[in-house]
């Protein structure tokens, strides 16, 4: 069974850092693109960052220069290093990928990130 398993959220003060992890369990083909999205209360889900298996990245405008997405050494894992966190980064963060490449999209259960001012 394919699943996106996330970890690493929590509560941090403004200016602090957190690292999120996501592992795509139940997969054996390399996932092309893995990404992170977030949804704050009352807002639409938005792109945070994506990364391809060739390490090409894309970032949402509000996180550029502060967040870094990377692929792990273990197959089909992805990390999100979040630095200089702001209260407006408070949201539930979701891992996403499509598997197999031509197949359905999978979302993690979400991990809460709360940044206090």
N, C-alpha and C. Protein backbone atom coordinates (compact mmCIF):
# COMPACT_ATOMS: atom_id res chain seq x y z
N UNK A 1 0.85 -1.19 0.00
CA UNK A 1 0.00 0.00 0.00
C UNK A 1 0.89 1.24 0.00
N UNK A 2 0.64 2.14 -0.93
CA UNK A 2 1.44 3.36 -1.03
C UNK A 2 0.93 4.39 -0.03
N UNK A 3 1.87 4.96 0.70
CA UNK A 3 1.53 5.99 1.68
C UNK A 3 2.62 7.04 1.73
N UNK A 4 2.23 8.26 2.06
CA UNK A 4 3.18 9.33 2.35
C UNK A 4 3.21 9.48 3.86
N UNK A 5 4.37 9.22 4.46
CA UNK A 5 4.50 9.26 5.91
C UNK A 5 5.35 10.47 6.29
N UNK A 6 4.73 11.41 6.98
CA UNK A 6 5.39 12.67 7.32
C UNK A 6 5.77 12.70 8.80
N UNK A 7 6.77 13.52 9.10
CA UNK A 7 7.14 13.77 10.49
C UNK A 7 7.89 15.09 10.57
N UNK A 8 7.99 15.61 11.79
CA UNK A 8 8.86 16.75 12.01
C UNK A 8 8.20 18.07 12.32
N UNK A 9 6.88 18.14 12.34
CA UNK A 9 6.24 19.40 12.67
C UNK A 9 6.38 19.72 14.15
N UNK A 10 5.84 20.89 14.53
CA UNK A 10 5.89 21.28 15.93
C UNK A 10 5.69 22.75 16.12
N UNK A 11 6.02 23.18 17.34
CA UNK A 11 5.88 24.58 17.73
C UNK A 11 7.26 25.20 17.84
N UNK A 12 7.43 26.36 17.22
CA UNK A 12 8.73 27.04 17.25
C UNK A 12 8.50 28.54 17.32
N UNK A 13 9.44 29.26 17.89
CA UNK A 13 9.34 30.72 17.92
C UNK A 13 9.76 31.31 16.59
N UNK A 14 9.26 32.50 16.33
CA UNK A 14 9.63 33.19 15.10
C UNK A 14 11.16 33.32 15.03
N UNK A 15 11.68 33.09 13.84
CA UNK A 15 13.11 33.10 13.63
C UNK A 15 13.78 31.74 13.78
N UNK A 16 13.02 30.78 14.29
CA UNK A 16 13.55 29.44 14.50
C UNK A 16 13.51 28.58 13.25
N UNK A 17 13.87 27.31 13.45
CA UNK A 17 13.95 26.37 12.33
C UNK A 17 13.24 25.06 12.68
N UNK A 18 12.76 24.41 11.64
CA UNK A 18 12.20 23.07 11.75
C UNK A 18 12.57 22.30 10.49
N UNK A 19 12.59 20.98 10.60
CA UNK A 19 12.85 20.12 9.44
C UNK A 19 11.75 19.09 9.35
N UNK A 20 11.11 19.06 8.19
CA UNK A 20 10.06 18.08 7.93
C UNK A 20 10.63 16.94 7.07
N UNK A 21 10.12 15.75 7.32
CA UNK A 21 10.53 14.58 6.55
C UNK A 21 9.30 13.88 5.97
N UNK A 22 9.50 13.27 4.82
CA UNK A 22 8.42 12.48 4.20
C UNK A 22 9.03 11.28 3.52
N UNK A 23 8.46 10.13 3.78
CA UNK A 23 8.89 8.90 3.12
C UNK A 23 7.71 8.30 2.39
N UNK A 24 7.92 7.90 1.15
CA UNK A 24 6.87 7.26 0.36
C UNK A 24 6.99 5.76 0.56
N UNK A 25 6.18 5.21 1.45
CA UNK A 25 6.26 3.78 1.71
C UNK A 25 5.50 3.01 0.64
N UNK A 26 5.86 1.74 0.46
CA UNK A 26 5.17 0.90 -0.51
C UNK A 26 5.50 1.18 -1.96
N UNK A 27 6.61 1.90 -2.20
CA UNK A 27 7.00 2.23 -3.57
C UNK A 27 8.31 1.54 -3.92
N UNK A 28 8.49 1.20 -5.21
CA UNK A 28 9.76 0.64 -5.65
C UNK A 28 10.30 1.37 -6.88
N UNK A 29 9.42 2.00 -7.66
CA UNK A 29 9.89 2.85 -8.75
C UNK A 29 10.30 4.20 -8.17
N UNK A 30 11.29 4.83 -8.78
CA UNK A 30 11.69 6.17 -8.34
C UNK A 30 10.59 7.17 -8.67
N UNK A 31 10.22 7.95 -7.67
CA UNK A 31 9.21 8.98 -7.87
C UNK A 31 9.87 10.18 -8.54
N UNK A 32 9.27 10.69 -9.58
CA UNK A 32 9.86 11.80 -10.31
C UNK A 32 9.85 13.08 -9.46
N UNK A 33 8.69 13.52 -9.07
CA UNK A 33 8.58 14.78 -8.34
C UNK A 33 7.90 14.56 -6.99
N UNK A 34 8.54 15.07 -5.95
CA UNK A 34 7.95 15.06 -4.61
C UNK A 34 7.85 16.51 -4.15
N UNK A 35 6.82 16.79 -3.36
CA UNK A 35 6.64 18.17 -2.97
C UNK A 35 6.00 18.34 -1.62
N UNK A 36 6.05 19.58 -1.15
CA UNK A 36 5.40 19.99 0.07
C UNK A 36 4.41 21.11 -0.25
N UNK A 37 3.25 21.00 0.35
CA UNK A 37 2.21 22.02 0.26
C UNK A 37 1.77 22.35 1.68
N UNK A 38 1.11 23.48 1.83
CA UNK A 38 0.62 23.84 3.16
C UNK A 38 -0.75 24.49 3.06
N UNK A 39 -1.49 24.37 4.15
CA UNK A 39 -2.81 24.98 4.21
C UNK A 39 -3.00 25.59 5.59
N UNK A 40 -3.20 26.91 5.60
CA UNK A 40 -3.49 27.63 6.83
C UNK A 40 -5.00 27.72 7.00
N UNK A 41 -5.47 27.91 8.22
CA UNK A 41 -6.92 28.00 8.46
C UNK A 41 -7.57 29.08 7.60
N UNK A 42 -8.64 28.71 6.92
CA UNK A 42 -9.37 29.65 6.10
C UNK A 42 -8.73 29.99 4.78
N UNK A 43 -7.63 29.31 4.45
CA UNK A 43 -6.93 29.60 3.19
C UNK A 43 -6.85 28.35 2.32
N UNK A 44 -6.57 28.56 1.04
CA UNK A 44 -6.41 27.45 0.13
C UNK A 44 -5.04 26.80 0.31
N UNK A 45 -4.97 25.53 -0.05
CA UNK A 45 -3.69 24.85 -0.01
C UNK A 45 -2.77 25.47 -1.05
N UNK A 46 -1.51 25.69 -0.68
CA UNK A 46 -0.57 26.35 -1.59
C UNK A 46 0.74 25.58 -1.67
N UNK A 47 1.42 25.80 -2.79
CA UNK A 47 2.72 25.19 -3.01
C UNK A 47 3.75 25.77 -2.04
N UNK A 48 4.54 24.88 -1.42
CA UNK A 48 5.70 25.31 -0.66
C UNK A 48 6.96 25.07 -1.50
N UNK A 49 7.15 23.81 -1.92
CA UNK A 49 8.33 23.48 -2.72
C UNK A 49 8.16 22.11 -3.36
N UNK A 50 8.80 21.93 -4.51
CA UNK A 50 8.86 20.63 -5.15
C UNK A 50 10.28 20.35 -5.58
N UNK A 51 10.59 19.06 -5.76
CA UNK A 51 11.91 18.65 -6.21
C UNK A 51 11.76 17.42 -7.07
N UNK A 52 12.50 17.38 -8.18
CA UNK A 52 12.48 16.23 -9.05
C UNK A 52 13.59 15.25 -8.66
N UNK A 53 13.56 14.07 -9.27
CA UNK A 53 14.63 13.11 -8.98
C UNK A 53 15.96 13.57 -9.55
N UNK A 54 15.92 14.56 -10.43
CA UNK A 54 17.15 15.18 -10.93
C UNK A 54 17.57 16.39 -10.12
N UNK A 55 16.88 16.61 -8.98
CA UNK A 55 17.21 17.69 -8.04
C UNK A 55 16.84 19.08 -8.53
N UNK A 56 15.96 19.17 -9.53
CA UNK A 56 15.43 20.49 -9.90
C UNK A 56 14.37 20.89 -8.88
N UNK A 57 14.42 22.13 -8.45
CA UNK A 57 13.52 22.59 -7.40
C UNK A 57 12.66 23.76 -7.85
N UNK A 58 11.56 23.90 -7.15
CA UNK A 58 10.66 25.03 -7.36
C UNK A 58 10.11 25.41 -6.00
N UNK A 59 10.00 26.74 -5.74
CA UNK A 59 9.56 27.21 -4.44
C UNK A 59 8.43 28.21 -4.58
N UNK A 60 7.54 28.21 -3.59
CA UNK A 60 6.57 29.27 -3.51
C UNK A 60 7.27 30.58 -3.18
N UNK A 61 6.72 31.69 -3.68
CA UNK A 61 7.39 32.98 -3.52
C UNK A 61 7.63 33.33 -2.05
N UNK A 62 6.69 32.97 -1.18
CA UNK A 62 6.79 33.41 0.21
C UNK A 62 7.87 32.67 1.00
N UNK A 63 8.41 31.58 0.47
CA UNK A 63 9.41 30.81 1.21
C UNK A 63 10.79 30.83 0.57
N UNK A 64 10.89 31.44 -0.58
CA UNK A 64 12.19 31.48 -1.27
C UNK A 64 13.24 32.13 -0.38
N UNK A 65 14.41 31.50 -0.33
CA UNK A 65 15.50 32.02 0.48
C UNK A 65 15.47 31.61 1.93
N UNK A 66 14.36 31.01 2.36
CA UNK A 66 14.25 30.59 3.77
C UNK A 66 14.10 29.07 3.89
N UNK A 67 13.42 28.46 2.93
CA UNK A 67 13.18 27.01 2.98
C UNK A 67 14.04 26.32 1.93
N UNK A 68 14.44 25.08 2.23
CA UNK A 68 15.21 24.28 1.29
C UNK A 68 14.62 22.88 1.23
N UNK A 69 14.30 22.44 0.02
CA UNK A 69 13.80 21.08 -0.18
C UNK A 69 14.93 20.22 -0.70
N UNK A 70 14.97 18.96 -0.26
CA UNK A 70 16.03 18.06 -0.71
C UNK A 70 15.51 16.63 -0.73
N UNK A 71 16.15 15.81 -1.56
CA UNK A 71 15.83 14.39 -1.59
C UNK A 71 16.78 13.66 -0.66
N UNK A 72 16.29 12.65 0.01
CA UNK A 72 17.12 11.89 0.92
C UNK A 72 17.89 10.80 0.20
N UNK A 73 18.88 10.22 0.88
CA UNK A 73 19.63 9.10 0.32
C UNK A 73 18.76 7.86 0.21
N UNK A 74 17.85 7.70 1.14
CA UNK A 74 16.91 6.58 1.03
C UNK A 74 15.94 6.85 -0.11
N UNK A 75 15.56 5.81 -0.79
CA UNK A 75 14.71 5.96 -1.97
C UNK A 75 13.38 6.63 -1.61
N UNK A 76 12.99 7.58 -2.43
CA UNK A 76 11.68 8.23 -2.31
C UNK A 76 11.44 8.87 -0.96
N UNK A 77 12.44 9.59 -0.48
CA UNK A 77 12.28 10.42 0.72
C UNK A 77 12.57 11.87 0.35
N UNK A 78 11.94 12.76 1.08
CA UNK A 78 12.12 14.18 0.82
C UNK A 78 12.11 14.92 2.15
N UNK A 79 12.90 15.99 2.21
CA UNK A 79 13.00 16.80 3.42
C UNK A 79 12.68 18.25 3.08
N UNK A 80 12.21 18.96 4.09
CA UNK A 80 12.00 20.40 3.96
C UNK A 80 12.65 21.07 5.16
N UNK A 81 13.75 21.75 4.92
CA UNK A 81 14.42 22.53 5.97
C UNK A 81 13.84 23.93 5.96
N UNK A 82 13.26 24.31 7.08
CA UNK A 82 12.60 25.62 7.18
C UNK A 82 13.36 26.48 8.18
N UNK A 83 13.94 27.56 7.70
CA UNK A 83 14.68 28.50 8.53
C UNK A 83 13.98 29.86 8.55
N UNK A 84 14.36 30.67 9.51
CA UNK A 84 13.80 32.03 9.65
C UNK A 84 12.28 31.99 9.59
N UNK A 85 11.71 31.09 10.36
CA UNK A 85 10.26 30.91 10.33
C UNK A 85 9.53 32.14 10.83
N UNK A 86 8.37 32.38 10.21
CA UNK A 86 7.53 33.52 10.55
C UNK A 86 6.15 33.02 11.00
N UNK A 87 5.44 33.82 11.78
CA UNK A 87 4.09 33.39 12.19
C UNK A 87 3.20 33.04 11.00
N UNK A 88 3.38 33.71 9.88
CA UNK A 88 2.56 33.42 8.71
C UNK A 88 2.91 32.09 8.05
N UNK A 89 3.95 31.42 8.52
CA UNK A 89 4.25 30.06 8.03
C UNK A 89 3.42 29.01 8.78
N UNK A 90 2.68 29.43 9.78
CA UNK A 90 1.84 28.51 10.53
C UNK A 90 0.80 27.88 9.61
N UNK A 91 0.78 26.55 9.56
CA UNK A 91 -0.11 25.82 8.67
C UNK A 91 0.06 24.33 8.90
N UNK A 92 -0.81 23.56 8.27
CA UNK A 92 -0.59 22.12 8.17
C UNK A 92 0.17 21.88 6.88
N UNK A 93 1.26 21.17 6.98
CA UNK A 93 2.12 20.90 5.83
C UNK A 93 1.89 19.47 5.34
N UNK A 94 1.74 19.34 4.03
CA UNK A 94 1.43 18.05 3.41
C UNK A 94 2.49 17.67 2.39
N UNK A 95 2.88 16.41 2.45
CA UNK A 95 3.76 15.83 1.44
C UNK A 95 2.90 15.32 0.29
N UNK A 96 3.42 15.43 -0.93
CA UNK A 96 2.66 15.00 -2.09
C UNK A 96 3.56 14.39 -3.15
N UNK A 97 3.06 13.37 -3.81
CA UNK A 97 3.75 12.80 -4.97
C UNK A 97 2.74 12.01 -5.79
N UNK A 98 3.13 11.72 -7.00
CA UNK A 98 2.32 10.89 -7.89
C UNK A 98 3.04 9.56 -8.06
N UNK A 99 2.28 8.45 -7.91
CA UNK A 99 2.92 7.13 -8.04
C UNK A 99 1.94 6.11 -8.57
N UNK A 100 2.34 5.36 -9.58
CA UNK A 100 3.54 5.54 -10.40
C UNK A 100 3.47 6.86 -11.16
N UNK A 101 4.45 7.17 -11.97
CA UNK A 101 4.47 8.49 -12.62
C UNK A 101 3.19 8.83 -13.37
N UNK A 102 2.49 7.81 -13.86
CA UNK A 102 1.27 8.01 -14.62
C UNK A 102 0.03 7.77 -13.76
N UNK A 103 0.26 7.56 -12.46
CA UNK A 103 -0.82 7.12 -11.57
C UNK A 103 -1.39 8.23 -10.72
N UNK A 104 -2.05 7.84 -9.63
CA UNK A 104 -2.75 8.81 -8.79
C UNK A 104 -1.79 9.62 -7.92
N UNK A 105 -2.33 10.73 -7.41
CA UNK A 105 -1.58 11.60 -6.52
C UNK A 105 -1.84 11.15 -5.07
N UNK A 106 -0.78 11.13 -4.28
CA UNK A 106 -0.89 10.75 -2.88
C UNK A 106 -0.54 11.95 -1.99
N UNK A 107 -1.31 12.06 -0.91
CA UNK A 107 -1.07 13.11 0.08
C UNK A 107 -0.82 12.47 1.44
N UNK A 108 0.08 13.05 2.20
CA UNK A 108 0.29 12.62 3.57
C UNK A 108 -0.85 13.10 4.45
N UNK A 109 -0.79 12.68 5.70
CA UNK A 109 -1.86 13.04 6.65
C UNK A 109 -1.73 14.48 7.13
N UNK A 110 -0.59 15.08 6.87
CA UNK A 110 -0.37 16.47 7.29
C UNK A 110 0.34 16.54 8.63
N UNK A 111 1.23 17.51 8.75
CA UNK A 111 1.93 17.74 10.01
C UNK A 111 1.82 19.23 10.35
N UNK A 112 1.45 19.52 11.58
CA UNK A 112 1.20 20.89 12.00
C UNK A 112 2.51 21.61 12.29
N UNK A 113 2.65 22.79 11.72
CA UNK A 113 3.75 23.69 12.04
C UNK A 113 3.14 24.97 12.61
N UNK A 114 3.55 25.32 13.81
CA UNK A 114 3.04 26.53 14.46
C UNK A 114 4.22 27.41 14.84
N UNK A 115 4.19 28.65 14.37
CA UNK A 115 5.26 29.61 14.64
C UNK A 115 4.68 30.72 15.51
N UNK A 116 5.22 30.85 16.71
CA UNK A 116 4.73 31.88 17.63
C UNK A 116 5.55 33.16 17.48
N UNK A 117 4.88 34.28 17.72
CA UNK A 117 5.55 35.58 17.56
C UNK A 117 6.19 36.03 18.86
